[in-house]
């Protein structure tokens, strides 16, 4: 498992790439995708904020290994949903 600092960097980088891809789709896509992209951008920011905060404040009473494995699995699931939404918009 990576340390917390590396895990935060990874999450931030993935969210930045998703954000940039969403902006590109909104700029070069059809005009009716603007509303969908705005909702997608806000959900990307929420995911970023949520997971970085969860890294900083782990759940008490839960073993660290289990907690961070669950956190990574949930982050991967959420990012896959965002990617699916990006493909449906673009």
Protein backbone atom coordinates (compact mmCIF):
# COMPACT_ATOMS: atom_id res chain seq x y z
CA UNK A 1 0.00 0.00 0.00
CA UNK A 2 1.25 3.45 -0.83
CA UNK A 3 1.59 5.96 1.93
CA UNK A 4 -1.08 8.60 2.41
CA UNK A 5 0.81 11.32 0.56
CA UNK A 6 1.25 9.16 -2.54
CA UNK A 7 -2.35 8.02 -2.40
CA UNK A 8 -3.55 11.64 -2.30
CA UNK A 9 -1.35 12.50 -5.29
CA UNK A 10 -2.73 9.57 -7.27
CA UNK A 11 -6.33 10.53 -6.52
CA UNK A 12 -5.68 14.18 -7.39
CA UNK A 13 -3.97 13.25 -10.67
CA UNK A 14 -6.78 10.92 -11.74
CA UNK A 15 -9.40 13.52 -10.92
CA UNK A 16 -7.44 16.21 -12.79
CA UNK A 17 -7.30 14.01 -15.89
CA UNK A 18 -11.04 13.29 -15.69
CA UNK A 19 -11.73 17.00 -15.22
CA UNK A 20 -9.58 17.93 -18.24
CA UNK A 21 -11.28 15.30 -20.38
CA UNK A 22 -14.70 16.63 -19.35
CA UNK A 23 -13.68 20.16 -20.28
CA UNK A 24 -12.42 18.96 -23.66
CA UNK A 25 -15.71 17.17 -24.33
CA UNK A 26 -17.69 20.27 -23.39
CA UNK A 27 -15.57 22.47 -25.68
CA UNK A 28 -15.45 20.19 -28.68
CA UNK A 29 -18.70 18.28 -28.25
CA UNK A 30 -22.22 19.22 -29.13
CA UNK A 31 -23.87 22.24 -27.52
CA UNK A 32 -26.47 20.18 -25.65
CA UNK A 33 -23.76 18.44 -23.60
CA UNK A 34 -22.95 21.56 -21.57
CA UNK A 35 -25.46 20.81 -18.81
CA UNK A 36 -24.35 17.19 -18.60
CA UNK A 37 -20.70 18.22 -18.41
CA UNK A 38 -21.33 20.73 -15.65
CA UNK A 39 -22.97 18.04 -13.54
CA UNK A 40 -20.10 15.70 -14.34
CA UNK A 41 -17.51 18.32 -13.35
CA UNK A 42 -19.16 18.90 -10.01
CA UNK A 43 -19.32 15.16 -9.33
CA UNK A 44 -15.61 14.82 -10.15
CA UNK A 45 -14.81 17.60 -7.67
CA UNK A 46 -17.02 15.93 -5.04
CA UNK A 47 -15.29 12.59 -5.56
CA UNK A 48 -11.87 14.23 -5.24
CA UNK A 49 -12.79 16.09 -2.07
CA UNK A 50 -14.51 13.07 -0.53
CA UNK A 51 -11.68 10.61 -1.04
CA UNK A 52 -8.85 12.97 -0.08
CA UNK A 53 -10.74 13.78 3.15
CA UNK A 54 -11.29 10.08 3.81
CA UNK A 55 -7.55 9.45 3.47
CA UNK A 56 -6.81 12.15 6.04
CA UNK A 57 -9.40 10.89 8.53
CA UNK A 58 -9.64 7.08 8.55
CA UNK A 59 -12.54 5.38 10.23
CA UNK A 60 -11.74 4.57 13.87
CA UNK A 61 -11.84 0.95 14.95
CA UNK A 62 -11.29 -0.41 11.45
CA UNK A 63 -7.92 -1.96 10.56
CA UNK A 64 -5.95 0.37 8.31
CA UNK A 65 -5.27 -2.27 5.66
CA UNK A 66 -8.98 -3.08 5.29
CA UNK A 67 -9.99 0.58 5.37
CA UNK A 68 -7.62 1.69 2.62
CA UNK A 69 -8.37 -1.35 0.45
CA UNK A 70 -12.07 -0.51 0.67
CA UNK A 71 -11.33 3.16 -0.05
CA UNK A 72 -9.32 2.30 -3.17
CA UNK A 73 -11.97 -0.15 -4.41
CA UNK A 74 -14.73 2.44 -3.96
CA UNK A 75 -12.64 5.12 -5.70
CA UNK A 76 -12.01 2.81 -8.65
CA UNK A 77 -15.74 2.05 -8.88
CA UNK A 78 -16.65 5.76 -8.81
CA UNK A 79 -14.06 6.69 -11.43
CA UNK A 80 -15.29 3.90 -13.71
CA UNK A 81 -18.80 5.37 -13.46
CA UNK A 82 -17.44 8.81 -14.37
CA UNK A 83 -15.60 7.36 -17.36
CA UNK A 84 -18.77 5.61 -18.52
CA UNK A 85 -20.63 8.93 -18.28
CA UNK A 86 -17.87 10.64 -20.29
CA UNK A 87 -18.24 8.07 -23.06
CA UNK A 88 -22.00 8.49 -23.11
CA UNK A 89 -21.71 12.29 -23.39
CA UNK A 90 -18.89 12.40 -25.93
